[in-house]
């Protein structure tokens, strides 16, 4: 079984919503001339949190 599949199943089962990172598409780089860019960090919250704090955001 694929680990990312299990991760996604758990996120869905818990009803979590992803908060995107504002102003940045990637959170990691190998700092080379032709860089490898990846998003390694995710931020999740609940629908209840979003309803109470609708302006929630993640800043780099």
PDB file of N, CA and C in Angstrom:
ATOM      1  N   UNK A   1       0.855  -1.179   0.000  1.00  0.00           N
ATOM      2  CA  UNK A   1       0.000   0.000   0.000  1.00  0.00           C
ATOM      3  C   UNK A   1       0.898   1.239   0.000  1.00  0.00           C
ATOM      4  N   UNK A   2       0.536   2.198  -0.809  1.00  0.00           N
ATOM      5  CA  UNK A   2       1.292   3.438  -0.956  1.00  0.00           C
ATOM      6  C   UNK A   2       1.086   4.336   0.268  1.00  0.00           C
ATOM      7  N   UNK A   3       2.190   4.821   0.860  1.00  0.00           N
ATOM      8  CA  UNK A   3       2.108   5.665   2.057  1.00  0.00           C
ATOM      9  C   UNK A   3       1.328   6.945   1.822  1.00  0.00           C
ATOM     10  N   UNK A   4       1.489   7.564   0.645  1.00  0.00           N
ATOM     11  CA  UNK A   4       0.763   8.813   0.369  1.00  0.00           C
ATOM     12  C   UNK A   4      -0.737   8.538   0.274  1.00  0.00           C
ATOM     13  N   UNK A   5      -1.108   7.363  -0.206  1.00  0.00           N
ATOM     14  CA  UNK A   5      -2.524   6.988  -0.251  1.00  0.00           C
ATOM     15  C   UNK A   5      -3.087   6.898   1.167  1.00  0.00           C
ATOM     16  N   UNK A   6      -2.355   6.261   2.062  1.00  0.00           N
ATOM     17  CA  UNK A   6      -2.799   6.146   3.455  1.00  0.00           C
ATOM     18  C   UNK A   6      -2.908   7.533   4.088  1.00  0.00           C
ATOM     19  N   UNK A   7      -1.891   8.373   3.852  1.00  0.00           N
ATOM     20  CA  UNK A   7      -1.903   9.744   4.363  1.00  0.00           C
ATOM     21  C   UNK A   7      -3.150  10.495   3.886  1.00  0.00           C
ATOM     22  N   UNK A   8      -3.429  10.430   2.589  1.00  0.00           N
ATOM     23  CA  UNK A   8      -4.601  11.112   2.025  1.00  0.00           C
ATOM     24  C   UNK A   8      -5.906  10.553   2.583  1.00  0.00           C
ATOM     25  N   UNK A   9      -5.960   9.245   2.791  1.00  0.00           N
ATOM     26  CA  UNK A   9      -7.154   8.631   3.379  1.00  0.00           C
ATOM     27  C   UNK A   9      -7.396   9.150   4.798  1.00  0.00           C
ATOM     28  N   UNK A  10      -6.351   9.269   5.574  1.00  0.00           N
ATOM     29  CA  UNK A  10      -6.475   9.773   6.951  1.00  0.00           C
ATOM     30  C   UNK A  10      -6.934  11.233   6.941  1.00  0.00           C
ATOM     31  N   UNK A  11      -6.332  12.050   6.081  1.00  0.00           N
ATOM     32  CA  UNK A  11      -6.719  13.463   5.973  1.00  0.00           C
ATOM     33  C   UNK A  11      -8.209  13.561   5.616  1.00  0.00           C
ATOM     34  N   UNK A  12      -8.636  12.774   4.650  1.00  0.00           N
ATOM     35  CA  UNK A  12     -10.044  12.776   4.245  1.00  0.00           C
ATOM     36  C   UNK A  12     -10.965  12.274   5.343  1.00  0.00           C
ATOM     37  N   UNK A  13     -10.562  11.215   6.011  1.00  0.00           N
ATOM     38  CA  UNK A  13     -11.369  10.648   7.096  1.00  0.00           C
ATOM     39  C   UNK A  13     -11.559  11.654   8.230  1.00  0.00           C
ATOM     40  N   UNK A  14     -10.522  12.415   8.535  1.00  0.00           N
ATOM     41  CA  UNK A  14     -10.604  13.413   9.603  1.00  0.00           C
ATOM     42  C   UNK A  14     -11.290  14.704   9.156  1.00  0.00           C
ATOM     43  N   UNK A  15     -11.538  14.833   7.856  1.00  0.00           N
ATOM     44  CA  UNK A  15     -12.198  16.028   7.345  1.00  0.00           C
ATOM     45  C   UNK A  15     -11.327  17.269   7.400  1.00  0.00           C
ATOM     46  N   UNK A  16     -10.018  17.069   7.305  1.00  0.00           N
ATOM     47  CA  UNK A  16      -9.098  18.201   7.379  1.00  0.00           C
ATOM     48  C   UNK A  16      -9.017  18.922   6.041  1.00  0.00           C
ATOM     49  N   UNK A  17      -8.774  20.221   6.115  1.00  0.00           N
ATOM     50  CA  UNK A  17      -8.625  21.058   4.926  1.00  0.00           C
ATOM     51  C   UNK A  17      -7.218  21.627   4.910  1.00  0.00           C
ATOM     52  N   UNK A  18      -6.621  21.683   3.727  1.00  0.00           N
ATOM     53  CA  UNK A  18      -5.266  22.225   3.611  1.00  0.00           C
ATOM     54  C   UNK A  18      -5.310  23.739   3.551  1.00  0.00           C
ATOM     55  N   UNK A  19      -4.421  24.371   4.313  1.00  0.00           N
ATOM     56  CA  UNK A  19      -4.211  25.814   4.215  1.00  0.00           C
ATOM     57  C   UNK A  19      -2.992  26.008   3.309  1.00  0.00           C
ATOM     58  N   UNK A  20      -3.167  26.628   2.146  1.00  0.00           N
ATOM     59  CA  UNK A  20      -2.015  26.811   1.257  1.00  0.00           C
ATOM     60  C   UNK A  20      -1.046  27.850   1.815  1.00  0.00           C
ATOM     61  N   UNK A  21       0.206  27.715   1.428  1.00  0.00           N
ATOM     62  CA  UNK A  21       1.226  28.677   1.831  1.00  0.00           C
ATOM     63  C   UNK A  21       1.139  29.866   0.879  1.00  0.00           C
ATOM     64  N   UNK A  22       0.934  31.049   1.411  1.00  0.00           N
ATOM     65  CA  UNK A  22       0.802  32.258   0.591  1.00  0.00           C
ATOM     66  C   UNK A  22       2.165  32.709   0.082  1.00  0.00           C
ATOM     67  N   UNK A  23       2.231  32.998  -1.207  1.00  0.00           N
ATOM     68  CA  UNK A  23       3.426  33.581  -1.785  1.00  0.00           C
ATOM     69  C   UNK A  23       4.554  32.627  -2.108  1.00  0.00           C
ATOM     70  N   UNK A  24       4.340  31.333  -1.947  1.00  0.00           N
ATOM     71  CA  UNK A  24       5.412  30.382  -2.221  1.00  0.00           C
ATOM     72  C   UNK A  24       4.805  29.052  -2.654  1.00  0.00           C
ATOM     73  N   UNK A  25       5.266  28.538  -3.787  1.00  0.00           N
ATOM     74  CA  UNK A  25       4.766  27.255  -4.276  1.00  0.00           C
ATOM     75  C   UNK A  25       5.575  26.081  -3.730  1.00  0.00           C
ATOM     76  N   UNK A  26       6.819  26.341  -3.311  1.00  0.00           N
ATOM     77  CA  UNK A  26       7.698  25.277  -2.853  1.00  0.00           C
ATOM     78  C   UNK A  26       8.273  25.627  -1.481  1.00  0.00           C
ATOM     79  N   UNK A  27       8.551  24.612  -0.691  1.00  0.00           N
ATOM     80  CA  UNK A  27       9.086  24.854   0.652  1.00  0.00           C
ATOM     81  C   UNK A  27      10.503  24.333   0.816  1.00  0.00           C
ATOM     82  N   UNK A  28      11.053  23.717  -0.228  1.00  0.00           N
ATOM     83  CA  UNK A  28      12.409  23.183  -0.149  1.00  0.00           C
ATOM     84  C   UNK A  28      13.086  23.273  -1.502  1.00  0.00           C
ATOM     85  N   UNK A  29      14.367  23.557  -1.497  1.00  0.00           N
ATOM     86  CA  UNK A  29      15.180  23.576  -2.707  1.00  0.00           C
ATOM     87  C   UNK A  29      16.539  22.966  -2.384  1.00  0.00           C
ATOM     88  N   UNK A  30      17.127  22.302  -3.382  1.00  0.00           N
ATOM     89  CA  UNK A  30      18.469  21.764  -3.180  1.00  0.00           C
ATOM     90  C   UNK A  30      19.551  22.812  -3.453  1.00  0.00           C
ATOM     91  N   UNK A  31      19.145  24.040  -3.772  1.00  0.00           N
ATOM     92  CA  UNK A  31      20.034  25.198  -3.930  1.00  0.00           C
ATOM     93  C   UNK A  31      21.084  25.006  -5.027  1.00  0.00           C
ATOM     94  N   UNK A  32      20.758  24.252  -6.060  1.00  0.00           N
ATOM     95  CA  UNK A  32      21.660  24.052  -7.187  1.00  0.00           C
ATOM     96  C   UNK A  32      21.363  25.084  -8.270  1.00  0.00           C
ATOM     97  N   UNK A  33      22.241  25.171  -9.293  1.00  0.00           N
ATOM     98  CA  UNK A  33      22.010  26.092 -10.411  1.00  0.00           C
ATOM     99  C   UNK A  33      20.690  25.781 -11.113  1.00  0.00           C
ATOM    100  N   UNK A  34      20.397  24.501 -11.283  1.00  0.00           N
ATOM    101  CA  UNK A  34      19.119  24.048 -11.831  1.00  0.00           C
ATOM    102  C   UNK A  34      18.393  23.348 -10.679  1.00  0.00           C
ATOM    103  N   UNK A  35      17.703  24.119  -9.822  1.00  0.00           N
ATOM    104  CA  UNK A  35      17.244  23.562  -8.540  1.00  0.00           C
ATOM    105  C   UNK A  35      16.111  22.552  -8.662  1.00  0.00           C
ATOM    106  N   UNK A  36      16.138  21.635  -7.729  1.00  0.00           N
ATOM    107  CA  UNK A  36      15.031  20.724  -7.502  1.00  0.00           C
ATOM    108  C   UNK A  36      14.152  21.402  -6.463  1.00  0.00           C
ATOM    109  N   UNK A  37      12.903  21.643  -6.795  1.00  0.00           N
ATOM    110  CA  UNK A  37      11.969  22.337  -5.904  1.00  0.00           C
ATOM    111  C   UNK A  37      10.863  21.384  -5.492  1.00  0.00           C
ATOM    112  N   UNK A  38      10.550  21.335  -4.216  1.00  0.00           N
ATOM    113  CA  UNK A  38       9.516  20.441  -3.697  1.00  0.00           C
ATOM    114  C   UNK A  38       8.697  21.145  -2.621  1.00  0.00           C
ATOM    115  N   UNK A  39       7.460  20.720  -2.473  1.00  0.00           N
ATOM    116  CA  UNK A  39       6.647  21.159  -1.337  1.00  0.00           C
ATOM    117  C   UNK A  39       6.695  20.044  -0.300  1.00  0.00           C
ATOM    118  N   UNK A  40       7.427  20.274   0.768  1.00  0.00           N
ATOM    119  CA  UNK A  40       7.565  19.270   1.816  1.00  0.00           C
ATOM    120  C   UNK A  40       6.693  19.557   3.031  1.00  0.00           C
ATOM    121  N   UNK A  41       6.209  20.764   3.146  1.00  0.00           N
ATOM    122  CA  UNK A  41       5.426  21.160   4.319  1.00  0.00           C
ATOM    123  C   UNK A  41       3.973  21.392   3.930  1.00  0.00           C
ATOM    124  N   UNK A  42       3.066  20.839   4.712  1.00  0.00           N
ATOM    125  CA  UNK A  42       1.642  21.055   4.527  1.00  0.00           C
ATOM    126  C   UNK A  42       1.056  21.500   5.853  1.00  0.00           C
ATOM    127  N   UNK A  43       0.002  22.282   5.768  1.00  0.00           N
ATOM    128  CA  UNK A  43      -0.682  22.790   6.952  1.00  0.00           C
ATOM    129  C   UNK A  43      -2.158  22.477   6.815  1.00  0.00           C
ATOM    130  N   UNK A  44      -2.717  21.830   7.829  1.00  0.00           N
ATOM    131  CA  UNK A  44      -4.106  21.403   7.781  1.00  0.00           C
ATOM    132  C   UNK A  44      -4.875  21.989   8.949  1.00  0.00           C
ATOM    133  N   UNK A  45      -6.164  22.157   8.741  1.00  0.00           N
ATOM    134  CA  UNK A  45      -7.053  22.632   9.797  1.00  0.00           C
ATOM    135  C   UNK A  45      -8.430  22.019   9.572  1.00  0.00           C
ATOM    136  N   UNK A  46      -9.342  22.344  10.449  1.00  0.00           N
ATOM    137  CA  UNK A  46     -10.701  21.813  10.335  1.00  0.00           C
ATOM    138  C   UNK A  46     -11.635  22.858   9.719  1.00  0.00           C
ATOM    139  N   UNK A  47     -12.757  22.391   9.213  1.00  0.00           N
ATOM    140  CA  UNK A  47     -13.771  23.298   8.673  1.00  0.00           C
ATOM    141  C   UNK A  47     -14.279  24.217   9.783  1.00  0.00           C
ATOM    142  N   UNK A  48     -14.362  23.706  11.008  1.00  0.00           N
ATOM    143  CA  UNK A  48     -14.807  24.520  12.136  1.00  0.00           C
ATOM    144  C   UNK A  48     -13.844  25.691  12.364  1.00  0.00           C
ATOM    145  N   UNK A  49     -12.553  25.420  12.321  1.00  0.00           N
ATOM    146  CA  UNK A  49     -11.556  26.477  12.506  1.00  0.00           C
ATOM    147  C   UNK A  49     -11.730  27.553  11.433  1.00  0.00           C
ATOM    148  N   UNK A  50     -11.895  27.115  10.166  1.00  0.00           N
ATOM    149  CA  UNK A  50     -12.062  28.061   9.056  1.00  0.00           C
ATOM    150  C   UNK A  50     -13.325  28.901   9.239  1.00  0.00           C
ATOM    151  N   UNK A  51     -14.381  28.310   9.768  1.00  0.00           N
ATOM    152  CA  UNK A  51     -15.609  29.085   9.965  1.00  0.00           C
ATOM    153  C   UNK A  51     -15.437  30.127  11.062  1.00  0.00           C
ATOM    154  N   UNK A  52     -14.622  29.835  12.071  1.00  0.00           N
ATOM    155  CA  UNK A  52     -14.375  30.783  13.158  1.00  0.00           C
ATOM    156  C   UNK A  52     -13.307  31.805  12.743  1.00  0.00           C
ATOM    157  N   UNK A  53     -12.298  31.345  11.998  1.00  0.00           N
ATOM    158  CA  UNK A  53     -11.187  32.186  11.573  1.00  0.00           C
ATOM    159  C   UNK A  53     -11.053  32.129  10.052  1.00  0.00           C
ATOM    160  N   UNK A  54     -11.979  32.756   9.314  1.00  0.00           N
ATOM    161  CA  UNK A  54     -11.998  32.618   7.861  1.00  0.00           C
ATOM    162  C   UNK A  54     -10.801  33.243   7.145  1.00  0.00           C
ATOM    163  N   UNK A  55     -10.064  34.110   7.809  1.00  0.00           N
ATOM    164  CA  UNK A  55      -8.896  34.750   7.182  1.00  0.00           C
ATOM    165  C   UNK A  55      -7.597  34.004   7.491  1.00  0.00           C
ATOM    166  N   UNK A  56      -7.700  32.788   7.993  1.00  0.00           N
ATOM    167  CA  UNK A  56      -6.501  32.000   8.332  1.00  0.00           C
ATOM    168  C   UNK A  56      -5.635  31.817   7.101  1.00  0.00           C
ATOM    169  N   UNK A  57      -4.338  31.989   7.286  1.00  0.00           N
ATOM    170  CA  UNK A  57      -3.403  31.753   6.203  1.00  0.00           C
ATOM    171  C   UNK A  57      -2.054  31.342   6.763  1.00  0.00           C
ATOM    172  N   UNK A  58      -1.250  30.736   5.911  1.00  0.00           N
ATOM    173  CA  UNK A  58       0.100  30.316   6.275  1.00  0.00           C
ATOM    174  C   UNK A  58       1.055  31.206   5.480  1.00  0.00           C
ATOM    175  N   UNK A  59       1.969  31.824   6.190  1.00  0.00           N
ATOM    176  CA  UNK A  59       2.971  32.674   5.550  1.00  0.00           C
ATOM    177  C   UNK A  59       4.336  32.011   5.643  1.00  0.00           C
ATOM    178  N   UNK A  60       5.141  32.100   4.562  1.00  0.00           N
ATOM    179  CA  UNK A  60       6.479  31.495   4.594  1.00  0.00           C
ATOM    180  C   UNK A  60       7.410  32.255   5.531  1.00  0.00           C
TER     181      UNK A  60
END
